[in-house]
């Protein structure tokens, strides 16, 4: 379906807001990429390290808010 010229030029309020925000803070994307790298882009864990982490995990009861009597 081909859109009319009027629809091709449309930008939503959200798009305009994001563009204005990026124009005010040009280094915002760099900060976002640094935050992602800090939280998600981590070095892979070796299989030995994975086994050690699994073995040292403390077992948790099925319903944690119920005390055993």
PDB file of N, CA and C in Angstrom:
ATOM      1  N   UNK A   1       0.846  -1.169   0.000  1.00  0.00           N
ATOM      2  CA  UNK A   1       0.000   0.000   0.000  1.00  0.00           C
ATOM      3  C   UNK A   1       0.889   1.229   0.000  1.00  0.00           C
ATOM      4  N   UNK A   2       0.673   2.089  -0.922  1.00  0.00           N
ATOM      5  CA  UNK A   2       1.483   3.296  -1.026  1.00  0.00           C
ATOM      6  C   UNK A   2       0.831   4.409  -0.221  1.00  0.00           C
ATOM      7  N   UNK A   3       1.633   5.053   0.613  1.00  0.00           N
ATOM      8  CA  UNK A   3       1.113   6.138   1.431  1.00  0.00           C
ATOM      9  C   UNK A   3       1.184   7.451   0.676  1.00  0.00           C
ATOM     10  N   UNK A   4       0.301   8.347   1.023  1.00  0.00           N
ATOM     11  CA  UNK A   4       0.326   9.663   0.391  1.00  0.00           C
ATOM     12  C   UNK A   4       1.492  10.468   0.927  1.00  0.00           C
ATOM     13  N   UNK A   5       1.807  11.543   0.260  1.00  0.00           N
ATOM     14  CA  UNK A   5       2.935  12.376   0.675  1.00  0.00           C
ATOM     15  C   UNK A   5       2.711  12.938   2.084  1.00  0.00           C
ATOM     16  N   UNK A   6       1.475  13.248   2.386  1.00  0.00           N
ATOM     17  CA  UNK A   6       1.153  13.797   3.702  1.00  0.00           C
ATOM     18  C   UNK A   6       1.485  12.786   4.805  1.00  0.00           C
ATOM     19  N   UNK A   7       1.194  11.517   4.580  1.00  0.00           N
ATOM     20  CA  UNK A   7       1.474  10.495   5.583  1.00  0.00           C
ATOM     21  C   UNK A   7       2.962  10.185   5.678  1.00  0.00           C
ATOM     22  N   UNK A   8       3.705  10.329   4.600  1.00  0.00           N
ATOM     23  CA  UNK A   8       5.127  10.045   4.618  1.00  0.00           C
ATOM     24  C   UNK A   8       5.880  11.079   5.457  1.00  0.00           C
ATOM     25  N   UNK A   9       5.366  12.293   5.549  1.00  0.00           N
ATOM     26  CA  UNK A   9       6.031  13.360   6.308  1.00  0.00           C
ATOM     27  C   UNK A   9       5.617  13.380   7.776  1.00  0.00           C
ATOM     28  N   UNK A  10       4.663  12.557   8.161  1.00  0.00           N
ATOM     29  CA  UNK A  10       4.167  12.546   9.537  1.00  0.00           C
ATOM     30  C   UNK A  10       5.221  12.009  10.499  1.00  0.00           C
ATOM     31  N   UNK A  11       5.371  12.699  11.644  1.00  0.00           N
ATOM     32  CA  UNK A  11       6.208  12.229  12.744  1.00  0.00           C
ATOM     33  C   UNK A  11       5.382  12.317  14.018  1.00  0.00           C
ATOM     34  N   UNK A  12       5.365  11.257  14.771  1.00  0.00           N
ATOM     35  CA  UNK A  12       4.550  11.213  15.984  1.00  0.00           C
ATOM     36  C   UNK A  12       5.134  12.126  17.053  1.00  0.00           C
ATOM     37  N   UNK A  13       4.334  12.369  18.072  1.00  0.00           N
ATOM     38  CA  UNK A  13       4.794  13.195  19.190  1.00  0.00           C
ATOM     39  C   UNK A  13       5.985  12.557  19.887  1.00  0.00           C
ATOM     40  N   UNK A  14       5.977  11.243  19.966  1.00  0.00           N
ATOM     41  CA  UNK A  14       7.083  10.523  20.608  1.00  0.00           C
ATOM     42  C   UNK A  14       8.379  10.715  19.829  1.00  0.00           C
ATOM     43  N   UNK A  15       8.290  10.606  18.515  1.00  0.00           N
ATOM     44  CA  UNK A  15       9.474  10.787  17.681  1.00  0.00           C
ATOM     45  C   UNK A  15      10.023  12.198  17.816  1.00  0.00           C
ATOM     46  N   UNK A  16       9.134  13.175  17.816  1.00  0.00           N
ATOM     47  CA  UNK A  16       9.569  14.565  17.971  1.00  0.00           C
ATOM     48  C   UNK A  16      10.218  14.799  19.337  1.00  0.00           C
ATOM     49  N   UNK A  17       9.656  14.177  20.367  1.00  0.00           N
ATOM     50  CA  UNK A  17      10.224  14.311  21.707  1.00  0.00           C
ATOM     51  C   UNK A  17      11.633  13.728  21.776  1.00  0.00           C
ATOM     52  N   UNK A  18      11.815  12.533  21.213  1.00  0.00           N
ATOM     53  CA  UNK A  18      13.124  11.888  21.230  1.00  0.00           C
ATOM     54  C   UNK A  18      14.136  12.708  20.446  1.00  0.00           C
ATOM     55  N   UNK A  19      13.730  13.231  19.286  1.00  0.00           N
ATOM     56  CA  UNK A  19      14.642  14.060  18.494  1.00  0.00           C
ATOM     57  C   UNK A  19      15.045  15.314  19.255  1.00  0.00           C
ATOM     58  N   UNK A  20      14.098  15.951  19.943  1.00  0.00           N
ATOM     59  CA  UNK A  20      14.402  17.149  20.718  1.00  0.00           C
ATOM     60  C   UNK A  20      15.319  16.810  21.895  1.00  0.00           C
ATOM     61  N   UNK A  21      15.066  15.699  22.533  1.00  0.00           N
ATOM     62  CA  UNK A  21      15.891  15.279  23.668  1.00  0.00           C
ATOM     63  C   UNK A  21      17.323  15.005  23.232  1.00  0.00           C
ATOM     64  N   UNK A  22      17.489  14.337  22.096  1.00  0.00           N
ATOM     65  CA  UNK A  22      18.833  14.066  21.579  1.00  0.00           C
ATOM     66  C   UNK A  22      19.528  15.343  21.128  1.00  0.00           C
ATOM     67  N   UNK A  23      18.751  16.319  20.646  1.00  0.00           N
ATOM     68  CA  UNK A  23      19.354  17.596  20.242  1.00  0.00           C
ATOM     69  C   UNK A  23      19.856  18.367  21.467  1.00  0.00           C
ATOM     70  N   UNK A  24      19.129  18.268  22.586  1.00  0.00           N
ATOM     71  CA  UNK A  24      19.563  18.944  23.821  1.00  0.00           C
ATOM     72  C   UNK A  24      20.764  18.255  24.452  1.00  0.00           C
ATOM     73  N   UNK A  25      20.789  16.931  24.392  1.00  0.00           N
ATOM     74  CA  UNK A  25      21.854  16.141  25.012  1.00  0.00           C
ATOM     75  C   UNK A  25      22.534  15.282  23.952  1.00  0.00           C
ATOM     76  N   UNK A  26      23.481  15.825  23.214  1.00  0.00           N
ATOM     77  CA  UNK A  26      24.092  15.046  22.135  1.00  0.00           C
ATOM     78  C   UNK A  26      24.915  13.844  22.619  1.00  0.00           C
ATOM     79  N   UNK A  27      25.376  13.849  23.867  1.00  0.00           N
ATOM     80  CA  UNK A  27      26.181  12.735  24.364  1.00  0.00           C
ATOM     81  C   UNK A  27      25.336  11.681  25.087  1.00  0.00           C
ATOM     82  N   UNK A  28      24.017  11.770  24.962  1.00  0.00           N
ATOM     83  CA  UNK A  28      23.131  10.824  25.643  1.00  0.00           C
ATOM     84  C   UNK A  28      23.319   9.403  25.110  1.00  0.00           C
ATOM     85  N   UNK A  29      23.441   9.231  23.804  1.00  0.00           N
ATOM     86  CA  UNK A  29      23.613   7.893  23.244  1.00  0.00           C
ATOM     87  C   UNK A  29      24.907   7.251  23.722  1.00  0.00           C
ATOM     88  N   UNK A  30      25.957   8.043  23.853  1.00  0.00           N
ATOM     89  CA  UNK A  30      27.232   7.512  24.340  1.00  0.00           C
ATOM     90  C   UNK A  30      27.058   6.982  25.768  1.00  0.00           C
ATOM     91  N   UNK A  31      26.344   7.728  26.591  1.00  0.00           N
ATOM     92  CA  UNK A  31      26.080   7.279  27.953  1.00  0.00           C
ATOM     93  C   UNK A  31      25.248   6.012  27.992  1.00  0.00           C
ATOM     94  N   UNK A  32      24.288   5.900  27.077  1.00  0.00           N
ATOM     95  CA  UNK A  32      23.470   4.694  27.017  1.00  0.00           C
ATOM     96  C   UNK A  32      24.316   3.486  26.621  1.00  0.00           C
ATOM     97  N   UNK A  33      25.207   3.679  25.674  1.00  0.00           N
ATOM     98  CA  UNK A  33      26.068   2.581  25.243  1.00  0.00           C
ATOM     99  C   UNK A  33      27.028   2.166  26.350  1.00  0.00           C
ATOM    100  N   UNK A  34      27.533   3.129  27.116  1.00  0.00           N
ATOM    101  CA  UNK A  34      28.410   2.794  28.246  1.00  0.00           C
ATOM    102  C   UNK A  34      27.646   2.018  29.310  1.00  0.00           C
ATOM    103  N   UNK A  35      26.406   2.423  29.578  1.00  0.00           N
ATOM    104  CA  UNK A  35      25.581   1.711  30.550  1.00  0.00           C
ATOM    105  C   UNK A  35      25.282   0.288  30.110  1.00  0.00           C
ATOM    106  N   UNK A  36      24.987   0.123  28.824  1.00  0.00           N
ATOM    107  CA  UNK A  36      24.739  -1.229  28.307  1.00  0.00           C
ATOM    108  C   UNK A  36      25.987  -2.077  28.434  1.00  0.00           C
ATOM    109  N   UNK A  37      27.146  -1.501  28.104  1.00  0.00           N
ATOM    110  CA  UNK A  37      28.393  -2.267  28.188  1.00  0.00           C
ATOM    111  C   UNK A  37      28.664  -2.690  29.630  1.00  0.00           C
ATOM    112  N   UNK A  38      28.346  -1.826  30.571  1.00  0.00           N
ATOM    113  CA  UNK A  38      28.597  -2.128  31.982  1.00  0.00           C
ATOM    114  C   UNK A  38      27.700  -3.262  32.472  1.00  0.00           C
ATOM    115  N   UNK A  39      26.447  -3.291  32.004  1.00  0.00           N
ATOM    116  CA  UNK A  39      25.498  -4.273  32.524  1.00  0.00           C
ATOM    117  C   UNK A  39      25.420  -5.555  31.702  1.00  0.00           C
ATOM    118  N   UNK A  40      25.516  -5.476  30.378  1.00  0.00           N
ATOM    119  CA  UNK A  40      25.193  -6.620  29.545  1.00  0.00           C
ATOM    120  C   UNK A  40      26.360  -7.179  28.763  1.00  0.00           C
ATOM    121  N   UNK A  41      27.249  -6.340  28.287  1.00  0.00           N
ATOM    122  CA  UNK A  41      28.334  -6.818  27.429  1.00  0.00           C
ATOM    123  C   UNK A  41      29.507  -7.276  28.290  1.00  0.00           C
ATOM    124  N   UNK A  42      29.409  -8.477  28.796  1.00  0.00           N
ATOM    125  CA  UNK A  42      30.440  -9.016  29.673  1.00  0.00           C
ATOM    126  C   UNK A  42      31.141 -10.185  28.996  1.00  0.00           C
ATOM    127  N   UNK A  43      32.330 -10.452  29.467  1.00  0.00           N
ATOM    128  CA  UNK A  43      33.116 -11.561  28.907  1.00  0.00           C
ATOM    129  C   UNK A  43      32.409 -12.886  29.195  1.00  0.00           C
ATOM    130  N   UNK A  44      32.483 -13.846  28.282  1.00  0.00           N
ATOM    131  CA  UNK A  44      31.842 -15.146  28.525  1.00  0.00           C
ATOM    132  C   UNK A  44      32.485 -15.867  29.706  1.00  0.00           C
ATOM    133  N   UNK A  45      31.673 -16.648  30.411  1.00  0.00           N
ATOM    134  CA  UNK A  45      32.124 -17.400  31.581  1.00  0.00           C
ATOM    135  C   UNK A  45      32.528 -18.800  31.128  1.00  0.00           C
ATOM    136  N   UNK A  46      33.661 -19.278  31.619  1.00  0.00           N
ATOM    137  CA  UNK A  46      34.135 -20.609  31.225  1.00  0.00           C
ATOM    138  C   UNK A  46      33.227 -21.688  31.818  1.00  0.00           C
ATOM    139  N   UNK A  47      33.292 -22.871  31.245  1.00  0.00           N
ATOM    140  CA  UNK A  47      32.462 -23.975  31.735  1.00  0.00           C
ATOM    141  C   UNK A  47      32.824 -24.367  33.160  1.00  0.00           C
ATOM    142  N   UNK A  48      34.111 -24.311  33.505  1.00  0.00           N
ATOM    143  CA  UNK A  48      34.522 -24.624  34.875  1.00  0.00           C
ATOM    144  C   UNK A  48      33.932 -23.620  35.861  1.00  0.00           C
ATOM    145  N   UNK A  49      33.934 -22.359  35.485  1.00  0.00           N
ATOM    146  CA  UNK A  49      33.374 -21.319  36.350  1.00  0.00           C
ATOM    147  C   UNK A  49      31.867 -21.501  36.495  1.00  0.00           C
ATOM    148  N   UNK A  50      31.182 -21.874  35.423  1.00  0.00           N
ATOM    149  CA  UNK A  50      29.743 -22.132  35.499  1.00  0.00           C
ATOM    150  C   UNK A  50      29.449 -23.289  36.453  1.00  0.00           C
ATOM    151  N   UNK A  51      30.227 -24.364  36.356  1.00  0.00           N
ATOM    152  CA  UNK A  51      30.038 -25.507  37.250  1.00  0.00           C
ATOM    153  C   UNK A  51      30.262 -25.112  38.704  1.00  0.00           C
ATOM    154  N   UNK A  52      31.294 -24.296  38.958  1.00  0.00           N
ATOM    155  CA  UNK A  52      31.587 -23.855  40.319  1.00  0.00           C
ATOM    156  C   UNK A  52      30.436 -23.001  40.867  1.00  0.00           C
ATOM    157  N   UNK A  53      29.888 -22.124  40.042  1.00  0.00           N
ATOM    158  CA  UNK A  53      28.788 -21.275  40.487  1.00  0.00           C
ATOM    159  C   UNK A  53      27.535 -22.093  40.783  1.00  0.00           C
ATOM    160  N   UNK A  54      27.248 -23.071  39.941  1.00  0.00           N
ATOM    161  CA  UNK A  54      26.083 -23.930  40.178  1.00  0.00           C
ATOM    162  C   UNK A  54      26.246 -24.759  41.447  1.00  0.00           C
ATOM    163  N   UNK A  55      27.450 -25.267  41.684  1.00  0.00           N
ATOM    164  CA  UNK A  55      27.695 -26.096  42.862  1.00  0.00           C
ATOM    165  C   UNK A  55      27.633 -25.271  44.150  1.00  0.00           C
ATOM    166  N   UNK A  56      28.000 -24.005  44.090  1.00  0.00           N
ATOM    167  CA  UNK A  56      28.035 -23.190  45.303  1.00  0.00           C
ATOM    168  C   UNK A  56      26.722 -22.454  45.567  1.00  0.00           C
ATOM    169  N   UNK A  57      25.737 -22.618  44.710  1.00  0.00           N
ATOM    170  CA  UNK A  57      24.456 -21.942  44.905  1.00  0.00           C
ATOM    171  C   UNK A  57      23.715 -22.548  46.091  1.00  0.00           C
ATOM    172  N   UNK A  58      23.091 -21.713  46.899  1.00  0.00           N
ATOM    173  CA  UNK A  58      22.325 -22.170  48.055  1.00  0.00           C
ATOM    174  C   UNK A  58      20.922 -22.544  47.579  1.00  0.00           C
ATOM    175  N   UNK A  59      20.473 -23.724  47.953  1.00  0.00           N
ATOM    176  CA  UNK A  59      19.149 -24.182  47.547  1.00  0.00           C
ATOM    177  C   UNK A  59      18.092 -23.378  48.296  1.00  0.00           C
ATOM    178  N   UNK A  60      17.039 -22.984  47.579  1.00  0.00           N
ATOM    179  CA  UNK A  60      15.983 -22.169  48.157  1.00  0.00           C
ATOM    180  C   UNK A  60      14.712 -22.986  48.224  1.00  0.00           C
ATOM    181  N   UNK A  61      13.949 -22.827  49.320  1.00  0.00           N
ATOM    182  CA  UNK A  61      12.706 -23.572  49.434  1.00  0.00           C
ATOM    183  C   UNK A  61      11.687 -23.059  48.430  1.00  0.00           C
ATOM    184  N   UNK A  62      10.685 -23.859  48.124  1.00  0.00           N
ATOM    185  CA  UNK A  62       9.735 -23.547  47.062  1.00  0.00           C
ATOM    186  C   UNK A  62       8.987 -22.244  47.337  1.00  0.00           C
ATOM    187  N   UNK A  63       8.516 -22.045  48.542  1.00  0.00           N
ATOM    188  CA  UNK A  63       7.793 -20.830  48.892  1.00  0.00           C
ATOM    189  C   UNK A  63       8.604 -20.130  49.970  1.00  0.00           C
ATOM    190  N   UNK A  64       9.275 -19.062  49.601  1.00  0.00           N
ATOM    191  CA  UNK A  64      10.289 -18.473  50.486  1.00  0.00           C
ATOM    192  C   UNK A  64       9.703 -17.768  51.706  1.00  0.00           C
ATOM    193  N   UNK A  65       8.418 -17.396  51.656  1.00  0.00           N
ATOM    194  CA  UNK A  65       7.836 -16.644  52.773  1.00  0.00           C
ATOM    195  C   UNK A  65       7.242 -17.548  53.836  1.00  0.00           C
ATOM    196  N   UNK A  66       7.252 -18.843  53.625  1.00  0.00           N
ATOM    197  CA  UNK A  66       6.707 -19.768  54.617  1.00  0.00           C
ATOM    198  C   UNK A  66       7.861 -20.383  55.389  1.00  0.00           C
ATOM    199  N   UNK A  67       7.826 -20.249  56.712  1.00  0.00           N
ATOM    200  CA  UNK A  67       8.871 -20.815  57.548  1.00  0.00           C
ATOM    201  C   UNK A  67       8.596 -22.296  57.783  1.00  0.00           C
ATOM    202  N   UNK A  68       9.699 -23.039  57.868  1.00  0.00           N
ATOM    203  CA  UNK A  68       9.545 -24.458  58.205  1.00  0.00           C
ATOM    204  C   UNK A  68       9.387 -24.565  59.710  1.00  0.00           C
ATOM    205  N   UNK A  69       8.396 -25.320  60.148  1.00  0.00           N
ATOM    206  CA  UNK A  69       8.137 -25.475  61.588  1.00  0.00           C
ATOM    207  C   UNK A  69       8.661 -26.774  62.107  1.00  0.00           C
TER     208      UNK A  69
END
